[in-house]
C-alpha atoms as a PDB file:
ATOM      1  CA  UNK A   1     114.039 110.968 153.927  1.00  0.00           C
ATOM      2  CA  UNK A   2     113.707 107.204 154.098  1.00  0.00           C
ATOM      3  CA  UNK A   3     114.418 104.998 151.101  1.00  0.00           C
ATOM      4  CA  UNK A   4     110.796 103.836 150.924  1.00  0.00           C
ATOM      5  CA  UNK A   5     109.639 107.438 150.745  1.00  0.00           C
ATOM      6  CA  UNK A   6     112.131 108.149 147.963  1.00  0.00           C
ATOM      7  CA  UNK A   7     110.899 105.124 146.063  1.00  0.00           C
ATOM      8  CA  UNK A   8     107.314 106.240 146.434  1.00  0.00           C
ATOM      9  CA  UNK A   9     108.155 109.742 145.239  1.00  0.00           C
ATOM     10  CA  UNK A  10     110.161 108.512 142.263  1.00  0.00           C
ATOM     11  CA  UNK A  11     107.292 106.268 141.204  1.00  0.00           C
ATOM     12  CA  UNK A  12     104.837 109.176 141.063  1.00  0.00           C
ATOM     13  CA  UNK A  13     103.493 110.257 137.713  1.00  0.00           C
ATOM     14  CA  UNK A  14     101.608 113.330 136.639  1.00  0.00           C
ATOM     15  CA  UNK A  15      99.404 112.971 133.616  1.00  0.00           C
ATOM     16  CA  UNK A  16      99.239 116.105 131.534  1.00  0.00           C
ATOM     17  CA  UNK A  17      96.412 116.852 129.175  1.00  0.00           C
ATOM     18  CA  UNK A  18      95.235 119.812 127.159  1.00  0.00           C
ATOM     19  CA  UNK A  19      92.168 120.551 129.312  1.00  0.00           C
ATOM     20  CA  UNK A  20      92.132 123.470 131.735  1.00  0.00           C
ATOM     21  CA  UNK A  21      92.215 121.478 134.975  1.00  0.00           C
ATOM     22  CA  UNK A  22      95.264 120.792 137.107  1.00  0.00           C
ATOM     23  CA  UNK A  23      95.940 117.182 138.065  1.00  0.00           C
ATOM     24  CA  UNK A  24      95.102 116.512 141.730  1.00  0.00           C
ATOM     25  CA  UNK A  25      98.247 114.432 142.241  1.00  0.00           C
ATOM     26  CA  UNK A  26     100.411 117.353 141.082  1.00  0.00           C
ATOM     27  CA  UNK A  27      98.713 119.658 143.602  1.00  0.00           C
ATOM     28  CA  UNK A  28      99.205 117.074 146.373  1.00  0.00           C
ATOM     29  CA  UNK A  29     102.884 116.718 145.422  1.00  0.00           C
ATOM     30  CA  UNK A  30     103.434 120.480 145.618  1.00  0.00           C
ATOM     31  CA  UNK A  31     101.715 120.524 149.036  1.00  0.00           C
ATOM     32  CA  UNK A  32     104.110 117.810 150.269  1.00  0.00           C
ATOM     33  CA  UNK A  33     107.080 119.881 149.114  1.00  0.00           C
ATOM     34  CA  UNK A  34     105.739 123.157 150.480  1.00  0.00           C
ATOM     35  CA  UNK A  35     104.145 122.362 153.846  1.00  0.00           C
ATOM     36  CA  UNK A  36     105.936 120.618 156.703  1.00  0.00           C
ATOM     37  CA  UNK A  37     102.732 119.174 158.184  1.00  0.00           C
ATOM     38  CA  UNK A  38     101.810 117.581 154.837  1.00  0.00           C
ATOM     39  CA  UNK A  39     105.345 116.190 154.466  1.00  0.00           C
ATOM     40  CA  UNK A  40     105.272 114.697 157.986  1.00  0.00           C
ATOM     41  CA  UNK A  41     101.882 113.056 157.419  1.00  0.00           C
ATOM     42  CA  UNK A  42     103.035 111.676 154.071  1.00  0.00           C
ATOM     43  CA  UNK A  43     106.354 110.369 155.375  1.00  0.00           C
ATOM     44  CA  UNK A  44     104.790 108.769 158.468  1.00  0.00           C
ATOM     45  CA  UNK A  45     101.531 107.401 157.069  1.00  0.00           C
ATOM     46  CA  UNK A  46     102.075 107.467 153.282  1.00  0.00           C
ATOM     47  CA  UNK A  47      98.867 109.493 152.929  1.00  0.00           C
ATOM     48  CA  UNK A  48      98.639 112.163 150.286  1.00  0.00           C
ATOM     49  CA  UNK A  49      97.420 115.575 151.404  1.00  0.00           C
ATOM     50  CA  UNK A  50      94.269 117.109 150.035  1.00  0.00           C
ATOM     51  CA  UNK A  51      94.434 118.585 146.572  1.00  0.00           C
ATOM     52  CA  UNK A  52      93.104 121.930 147.768  1.00  0.00           C
ATOM     53  CA  UNK A  53      94.672 124.858 145.974  1.00  0.00           C
ATOM     54  CA  UNK A  54      95.444 127.801 148.240  1.00  0.00           C
ATOM     55  CA  UNK A  55      97.215 131.045 147.366  1.00  0.00           C
ATOM     56  CA  UNK A  56     100.729 129.620 147.842  1.00  0.00           C
ATOM     57  CA  UNK A  57     100.003 126.535 145.703  1.00  0.00           C
ATOM     58  CA  UNK A  58      98.358 128.673 143.003  1.00  0.00           C
ATOM     59  CA  UNK A  59     101.365 131.018 142.957  1.00  0.00           C
ATOM     60  CA  UNK A  60     103.832 128.143 142.546  1.00  0.00           C
ATOM     61  CA  UNK A  61     101.822 126.425 139.817  1.00  0.00           C
ATOM     62  CA  UNK A  62     101.223 129.711 137.992  1.00  0.00           C
ATOM     63  CA  UNK A  63     104.940 130.538 138.073  1.00  0.00           C
ATOM     64  CA  UNK A  64     105.860 127.067 136.793  1.00  0.00           C
ATOM     65  CA  UNK A  65     103.317 127.234 133.968  1.00  0.00           C
ATOM     66  CA  UNK A  66     104.348 130.779 133.016  1.00  0.00           C
ATOM     67  CA  UNK A  67     107.997 129.794 132.993  1.00  0.00           C
ATOM     68  CA  UNK A  68     107.288 126.845 130.708  1.00  0.00           C
ATOM     69  CA  UNK A  69     105.116 128.927 128.373  1.00  0.00           C
ATOM     70  CA  UNK A  70     107.850 131.545 128.057  1.00  0.00           C
ATOM     71  CA  UNK A  71     110.026 128.960 126.307  1.00  0.00           C
ATOM     72  CA  UNK A  72     107.650 128.805 123.338  1.00  0.00           C
ATOM     73  CA  UNK A  73     107.297 131.231 120.459  1.00  0.00           C
ATOM     74  CA  UNK A  74     104.657 133.839 121.180  1.00  0.00           C
ATOM     75  CA  UNK A  75     102.945 133.668 117.784  1.00  0.00           C
ATOM     76  CA  UNK A  76     102.639 131.543 114.693  1.00  0.00           C
ATOM     77  CA  UNK A  77     104.620 134.156 112.792  1.00  0.00           C
ATOM     78  CA  UNK A  78     107.593 133.896 115.155  1.00  0.00           C
ATOM     79  CA  UNK A  79     107.273 130.111 115.222  1.00  0.00           C
ATOM     80  CA  UNK A  80     107.343 129.860 111.418  1.00  0.00           C
ATOM     81  CA  UNK A  81     110.601 131.844 111.249  1.00  0.00           C
ATOM     82  CA  UNK A  82     112.339 129.344 113.528  1.00  0.00           C
END
């Protein structure tokens, strides 16, 4: 990984909101990490891949969201006891 690529990756930001959509830049970032062809294109041309969500991307994002949600209390009753 070249230093310019590292700089570009460390300057990325994902904006989270409470709506039900997934940020396109987050999907593109996961594609770069997951698929060699997307990584090569990004590292050579600095072009982001499409933000298309396929089964592998959906599985990764679902697992990450589920893992994060599992850290929270499951009800107001449990949350009030904490």
